[in-house]
Amino acid sequence: MVITASLSLADIPGAVRLWRQRRTEFLLCIAAFAGVALLGVLEGIAIAVALSVLNVFRRAWWPYNTVLGRVQGLEGYHDVRSYPQAGQLPGLVIYRFDAPLIFANAKAFRDEIRRLADADPRPSWIVIAAEPMTDVDTTAADVLEELDETLNANHVHLVFAELKDPVRRKIERYGLTRTIDPRHFFPTVEAAVAAFRLRTGAEWTPLTTAEQPARPKPDTAAPPPADER
């Protein structure tokens, strides 16, 4: 009887829309429906809430990240996964990390920066397009300090562009400007690129395979971009 009543309340068109638009939310919908149908209303709602919270943590743990490049005919800098032939400056990598930098994802950020820094040829600047980075917690600050010291030892500099003022103040309060050069904070990605070109005289070249962002392994896979989930 409970299952029959639940079926009569099911929003089939809404579920189909979720399947087409965002598979993760469709799975949450099915889990909530199954919980209500099999266990009861309160239990089903509890399952849906718990799974939704876990999904939030999943997205914070493995945020979308990518290398950016310049695309002829388009303003700004764009995802090289969407534009594989985007231009790059030799010696410079522009990297975007689409989440606050917190304890849950700081090591993933560190590992990706290390991978980019170990490319051949080695970049001298890694510019973080930091507009999506709305926070840096103390654990992430410790990771950043260690990372920057390692990069500096290899003559690679961590550079931040478009970092929000409250986050910049936190970085200063954490004392990270002892290792991250205060001159390596720029208001825009374009300003950082211009400073690098002025310093090195570099010219734009097509993206090489070695510079493309790594595809995570299945057991540690980052979720796909938001418009694909």
Foldseek 3Di string as FASTA:
>chain_A
DLLVVLVVVDDVVVLVVCVVFPVLVSVLVVQLSCLCSPPNNVRSVVSSVVVVVVVVLQCQLFPDKWWWAADPPDPDTDGCVVVVFGWDWPQEIEMEGQAAAEPRHLVVVLVQVVLQQPFVVGHQEYEYACQNHQAHDLNSLVSVLVSLVVCVVVNHAYAYECHDPVRVVVNVVSVSCVRHPPVRYYDHPVVNVVVVCVVPVTDIDTDDPSNTGDQDDPVSGRDDPPRHD
